Amino acid sequence: MRTERMEYCMNAVKQLWRFGIEQALSCIFPVIIFVTLALSKIITIPGLARYDFILIICLIAQVMMVWTRLETKDDLKVICVFHLIGLGLELYKVNMGSWSYPEEALSKIGGVPLYSGFMYASVASYICQAWRRFDLSIANWPHPVFAFGLSVLIYLNFFTHHYIVDLRWYLTALLFIVFWKTWVSYKVGNRIYRMPMILSFLLIGWFIWIAENISTFLGAWKYPDQEHKWQIVHLGKISSWFLLVVISVIIVAQLKAVKQSKEQGPSNHIEHS
């Protein structure tokens, strides 16, 4: 009995190790951004603004990711879409006073440095990488009209809540209704695990919130209450990241479904309910 328990524990540790390694490899792009933020906070390059330096590193990293085939051309298309979506949101939010980029740079447009779009793109990069490395498969995916329509409403709410009532909690409730039967399966080694799709949204949103705290500490941007002294980002921001992750996953899933249906017929990785 003790031998069986020891073997079970050893297998569990090995699986956890494999899972951690694959997750780390999926986070290469976000890690590059974090390292660049940290180094640029310590090292000053004469004649080169910090935000411009970060942008240059992000561009080099993106080229290298594709050149080394860590990302495919299809991944790059998805990442570019997220870069534009994120940059549009940044331009609006910064000019509404939600947060700011106080440092000067040549690559700033409307008070927003162009590297900021890569922070959103890095989320898309993680999702694309994790999808491939863990061989994700989704069961009972909602009808594309509901999934895409919901993502549009969530994105619009990031803009409209400044003028009308914030609908995030209503949209969150709607998410639970639309995705309550949806499960995601993933492979670690030779074993397949699964979890509710909503739980995966929450977990990714939670880790992005942790990353956001690291980013603001390193001066990537500042919220109004961090202007004079850094402090932990409000827990309520997790709901914003949760909703942003939903948009990200929906877009990636729908694009993959369209591509697979064109190449192979109905997708064997996304099963509609």
Protein backbone atom coordinates (compact mmCIF):
# COMPACT_ATOMS: atom_id res chain seq x y z
CA MET A 1 0.00 0.00 0.00
CA ARG A 2 2.80 2.40 0.91
CA THR A 3 4.59 1.58 -2.35
CA GLU A 4 1.44 2.37 -4.32
CA ARG A 5 1.05 5.69 -2.51
CA MET A 6 4.67 6.58 -3.15
CA GLU A 7 4.30 5.71 -6.82
CA TYR A 8 1.10 7.77 -7.03
CA CYS A 9 2.81 10.78 -5.40
CA MET A 10 5.84 10.48 -7.69
CA ASN A 11 3.61 10.35 -10.78
CA ALA A 12 1.66 13.37 -9.52
CA VAL A 13 4.90 15.32 -9.01
CA LYS A 14 6.13 14.34 -12.49
CA GLN A 15 2.85 15.46 -14.04
CA LEU A 16 2.96 18.74 -12.13
CA TRP A 17 6.54 19.26 -13.32
CA ARG A 18 5.57 18.57 -16.94
CA PHE A 19 2.62 20.94 -16.59
CA GLY A 20 4.84 23.67 -15.14
CA ILE A 21 7.47 23.29 -17.87
CA GLU A 22 4.87 23.51 -20.64
CA GLN A 23 3.25 26.53 -18.98
CA ALA A 24 6.65 28.23 -18.70
CA LEU A 25 7.37 27.58 -22.38
CA SER A 26 3.94 28.99 -23.27
CA CYS A 27 4.85 32.19 -21.37
CA ILE A 28 8.05 32.99 -23.29
CA PHE A 29 6.70 36.21 -24.79
CA PRO A 30 5.25 37.56 -21.50
CA VAL A 31 8.50 36.66 -19.71
CA ILE A 32 10.53 38.60 -22.29
CA ILE A 33 8.35 41.63 -21.62
CA PHE A 34 8.77 41.30 -17.83
CA VAL A 35 12.55 40.94 -18.11
CA THR A 36 12.69 43.96 -20.41
CA LEU A 37 10.61 46.02 -17.99
CA ALA A 38 12.91 45.06 -15.13
CA LEU A 39 16.13 45.75 -17.03
CA SER A 40 14.89 49.06 -18.42
CA LYS A 41 14.02 50.18 -14.91
CA ILE A 42 17.62 49.57 -13.81
CA ILE A 43 19.59 50.37 -16.96
CA THR A 44 19.39 53.69 -18.80
CA ILE A 45 20.56 53.91 -22.41
CA PRO A 46 21.66 57.45 -23.36
CA GLY A 47 19.58 58.89 -26.18
CA LEU A 48 17.01 56.08 -26.07
CA ALA A 49 13.81 56.51 -24.10
CA ARG A 50 12.72 53.59 -21.95
CA TYR A 51 9.41 53.04 -23.76
CA ASP A 52 11.21 53.10 -27.13
CA PHE A 53 13.71 50.52 -25.87
CA ILE A 54 10.87 48.25 -24.70
CA LEU A 55 9.19 48.56 -28.11
CA ILE A 56 12.40 47.60 -29.92
CA ILE A 57 12.85 44.49 -27.74
CA CYS A 58 9.20 43.50 -28.26
CA LEU A 59 9.57 43.78 -32.03
CA ILE A 60 12.79 41.74 -32.01
CA ALA A 61 11.18 39.14 -29.74
CA GLN A 62 8.16 38.86 -32.04
CA VAL A 63 10.34 38.35 -35.11
CA MET A 64 12.43 35.74 -33.29
CA MET A 65 9.34 33.87 -32.06
CA VAL A 66 8.20 33.41 -35.67
CA TRP A 67 11.69 32.81 -37.09
CA THR A 68 12.38 30.03 -34.55
CA ARG A 69 8.89 28.62 -35.23
CA LEU A 70 7.82 28.98 -31.62
CA GLU A 71 4.90 30.81 -33.18
CA THR A 72 3.29 30.07 -36.51
CA LYS A 73 2.19 32.62 -39.10
CA ASP A 74 -1.39 31.96 -38.01
CA ASP A 75 -0.39 32.72 -34.42
CA LEU A 76 1.15 35.97 -35.64
CA LYS A 77 -2.12 36.98 -37.31
CA VAL A 78 -4.02 36.41 -34.05
CA ILE A 79 -1.37 38.29 -32.08
CA CYS A 80 -1.57 41.27 -34.47
CA VAL A 81 -5.35 41.38 -34.00
CA PHE A 82 -4.86 41.52 -30.23
CA HIS A 83 -2.19 44.18 -30.57
CA LEU A 84 -4.70 46.42 -32.39
CA ILE A 85 -7.53 45.61 -29.97
CA GLY A 86 -5.29 46.35 -27.00
CA LEU A 87 -3.87 49.54 -28.49
CA GLY A 88 -7.36 50.85 -29.21
CA LEU A 89 -8.40 50.16 -25.61
CA GLU A 90 -5.21 51.78 -24.29
CA LEU A 91 -5.75 54.98 -26.30
CA TYR A 92 -9.26 55.31 -24.94
CA LYS A 93 -8.50 54.42 -21.32
CA VAL A 94 -5.42 56.64 -21.02
CA ASN A 95 -7.31 59.62 -22.38
CA MET A 96 -10.14 58.89 -19.93
CA GLY A 97 -7.63 59.01 -17.07
CA SER A 98 -7.94 55.33 -16.10
CA TRP A 99 -4.13 54.96 -16.05
CA SER A 100 -1.12 56.72 -17.53
CA TYR A 101 2.32 56.32 -19.09
CA PRO A 102 4.21 59.24 -17.54
CA GLU A 103 7.57 58.85 -19.29
CA GLU A 104 8.47 60.56 -22.57
CA ALA A 105 9.14 58.57 -25.76
CA LEU A 106 9.17 58.96 -29.52
CA SER A 107 6.88 55.94 -29.89
CA LYS A 108 3.98 57.46 -27.94
CA ILE A 109 0.72 58.20 -29.73
CA GLY A 110 -2.03 59.99 -27.82
CA GLY A 111 -0.14 59.46 -24.58
CA VAL A 112 0.18 55.70 -25.22
CA PRO A 113 3.51 53.98 -26.04
CA LEU A 114 3.20 51.50 -28.90
CA TYR A 115 4.78 48.74 -26.82
CA SER A 116 1.59 48.61 -24.72
CA GLY A 117 -0.16 46.69 -27.49
CA PHE A 118 2.38 43.90 -27.05
CA MET A 119 1.19 43.35 -23.47
CA TYR A 120 -2.20 42.35 -24.85
CA ALA A 121 -0.54 40.46 -27.69
CA SER A 122 1.46 38.47 -25.13
CA VAL A 123 -1.83 37.14 -23.70
CA ALA A 124 -2.78 35.95 -27.19
CA SER A 125 0.71 34.45 -27.59
CA TYR A 126 0.26 32.49 -24.35
CA ILE A 127 -3.16 31.19 -25.42
CA CYS A 128 -1.88 30.09 -28.84
CA GLN A 129 1.18 28.44 -27.32
CA ALA A 130 -0.78 26.68 -24.55
CA TRP A 131 -3.42 25.53 -27.05
CA ARG A 132 -0.77 23.77 -29.08
CA ARG A 133 1.44 22.46 -26.25
CA PHE A 134 -1.47 21.03 -24.23
CA ASP A 135 -3.41 19.88 -27.30
CA LEU A 136 -6.54 21.66 -26.07
CA SER A 137 -9.94 20.34 -27.01
CA ILE A 138 -13.20 22.09 -26.16
CA ALA A 139 -16.55 20.33 -25.73
CA ASN A 140 -19.96 22.00 -25.98
CA TRP A 141 -18.64 25.30 -27.31
CA PRO A 142 -21.58 27.72 -27.64
CA HIS A 143 -22.93 28.76 -31.02
CA PRO A 144 -20.55 31.25 -32.72
CA VAL A 145 -23.29 33.92 -32.72
CA PHE A 146 -23.52 33.79 -28.91
CA ALA A 147 -19.75 33.48 -28.35
CA PHE A 148 -18.74 36.26 -30.74
CA GLY A 149 -21.69 38.48 -29.77
CA LEU A 150 -20.77 38.18 -26.11
CA SER A 151 -17.14 39.10 -26.79
CA VAL A 152 -18.27 42.23 -28.68
CA LEU A 153 -20.52 43.28 -25.78
CA ILE A 154 -17.69 42.75 -23.29
CA TYR A 155 -15.26 44.82 -25.37
CA LEU A 156 -17.80 47.63 -25.84
CA ASN A 157 -18.47 47.72 -22.09
CA PHE A 158 -14.82 48.66 -21.48
CA PHE A 159 -15.63 51.87 -23.37
CA THR A 160 -19.28 52.58 -22.51
CA HIS A 161 -19.10 52.12 -18.73
CA HIS A 162 -17.60 55.62 -18.51
CA TYR A 163 -20.94 57.04 -19.69
CA ILE A 164 -23.60 54.49 -18.76
CA VAL A 165 -23.96 51.82 -16.09
CA ASP A 166 -21.13 49.27 -15.90
CA LEU A 167 -22.55 45.99 -17.23
CA ARG A 168 -19.61 43.76 -16.30
CA TRP A 169 -21.49 41.79 -13.65
CA TYR A 170 -24.48 41.27 -15.94
CA LEU A 171 -22.10 40.13 -18.67
CA THR A 172 -20.34 37.83 -16.21
CA ALA A 173 -23.68 36.26 -15.28
CA LEU A 174 -24.45 35.86 -18.99
CA LEU A 175 -21.07 34.17 -19.45
CA PHE A 176 -21.94 31.55 -16.85
CA ILE A 177 -25.22 30.88 -18.66
CA VAL A 178 -23.65 30.64 -22.13
CA PHE A 179 -20.60 28.59 -21.08
CA TRP A 180 -22.04 26.50 -18.25
CA LYS A 181 -21.84 23.27 -20.30
CA THR A 182 -18.47 24.06 -21.92
CA TRP A 183 -15.43 22.03 -20.85
CA VAL A 184 -11.81 22.26 -21.93
CA SER A 185 -9.62 19.16 -22.09
CA TYR A 186 -5.82 19.33 -22.05
CA LYS A 187 -3.04 16.77 -22.24
CA VAL A 188 -0.06 16.53 -19.89
CA GLY A 189 2.25 13.74 -21.00
CA ASN A 190 -0.05 10.88 -21.93
CA ARG A 191 -2.86 11.83 -19.55
CA ILE A 192 -5.87 13.94 -20.40
CA TYR A 193 -7.45 16.26 -17.84
CA ARG A 194 -10.41 18.58 -18.11
CA MET A 195 -11.98 21.55 -16.33
CA PRO A 196 -14.96 23.87 -16.81
CA MET A 197 -14.21 26.61 -19.35
CA ILE A 198 -15.33 29.30 -16.91
CA LEU A 199 -12.76 28.08 -14.35
CA SER A 200 -9.99 28.36 -16.96
CA PHE A 201 -11.10 31.96 -17.66
CA LEU A 202 -10.89 32.77 -13.95
CA LEU A 203 -7.48 31.13 -13.47
CA ILE A 204 -5.90 32.94 -16.41
CA GLY A 205 -7.47 36.23 -15.26
CA TRP A 206 -6.05 35.68 -11.77
CA PHE A 207 -2.52 35.12 -13.07
CA ILE A 208 -2.77 38.16 -15.36
CA TRP A 209 -3.75 40.23 -12.31
CA ILE A 210 -0.59 39.00 -10.58
CA ALA A 211 1.38 39.92 -13.71
CA GLU A 212 -0.30 43.34 -13.68
CA ASN A 213 0.98 43.96 -10.15
CA ILE A 214 4.50 43.07 -11.27
CA SER A 215 4.16 45.29 -14.34
CA THR A 216 2.96 48.35 -12.43
CA PHE A 217 5.70 47.80 -9.83
CA LEU A 218 8.22 47.86 -12.68
CA GLY A 219 6.68 51.06 -14.04
CA ALA A 220 5.01 49.68 -17.17
CA TRP A 221 2.11 52.04 -16.44
CA LYS A 222 0.52 53.68 -13.41
CA TYR A 223 -2.98 53.82 -12.02
CA PRO A 224 -4.07 57.12 -10.44
CA ASP A 225 -3.59 55.73 -6.90
CA GLN A 226 -0.03 54.66 -7.79
CA GLU A 227 1.23 58.08 -8.90
CA HIS A 228 3.09 58.83 -5.67
CA LYS A 229 3.59 55.35 -4.22
CA TRP A 230 3.13 51.88 -5.68
CA GLN A 231 0.44 49.72 -4.13
CA ILE A 232 -1.30 46.48 -5.00
CA VAL A 233 -3.75 46.74 -7.88
CA HIS A 234 -7.34 46.59 -6.63
CA LEU A 235 -8.79 43.07 -6.56
CA GLY A 236 -11.71 44.31 -8.62
CA LYS A 237 -9.38 44.43 -11.63
CA ILE A 238 -9.49 40.63 -11.72
CA SER A 239 -13.02 40.92 -13.13
CA SER A 240 -11.70 43.12 -15.95
CA TRP A 241 -8.94 40.64 -16.80
CA PHE A 242 -11.42 37.78 -16.54
CA LEU A 243 -13.58 39.44 -19.18
CA LEU A 244 -10.58 40.29 -21.35
CA VAL A 245 -9.45 36.66 -21.22
CA VAL A 246 -12.91 35.63 -22.36
CA ILE A 247 -12.56 37.87 -25.42
CA SER A 248 -9.09 36.45 -26.09
CA VAL A 249 -10.10 32.80 -25.88
CA ILE A 250 -13.28 33.33 -27.91
CA ILE A 251 -11.38 35.02 -30.74
CA VAL A 252 -8.63 32.37 -30.78
CA ALA A 253 -11.17 29.53 -30.60
CA GLN A 254 -13.34 30.94 -33.38
CA LEU A 255 -10.38 31.58 -35.68
CA LYS A 256 -9.07 28.06 -35.09
CA ALA A 257 -12.52 26.60 -35.74
CA VAL A 258 -12.79 28.50 -39.05
CA LYS A 259 -9.30 27.41 -40.14
CA GLN A 260 -9.86 23.76 -39.23
CA SER A 261 -13.26 23.62 -40.90
CA LYS A 262 -11.71 24.91 -44.13
CA GLU A 263 -8.84 22.42 -44.01
CA GLN A 264 -10.48 19.31 -42.52
CA GLY A 265 -14.19 19.87 -42.36
CA PRO A 266 -15.75 20.14 -38.87
CA SER A 267 -13.13 20.81 -36.17
CA ASN A 268 -12.15 17.90 -33.96
CA HIS A 269 -10.80 20.30 -31.32
CA ILE A 270 -13.92 22.45 -30.86
CA GLU A 271 -17.22 20.65 -30.45
CA HIS A 272 -20.27 22.90 -30.62
CA SER A 273 -23.24 22.30 -28.38
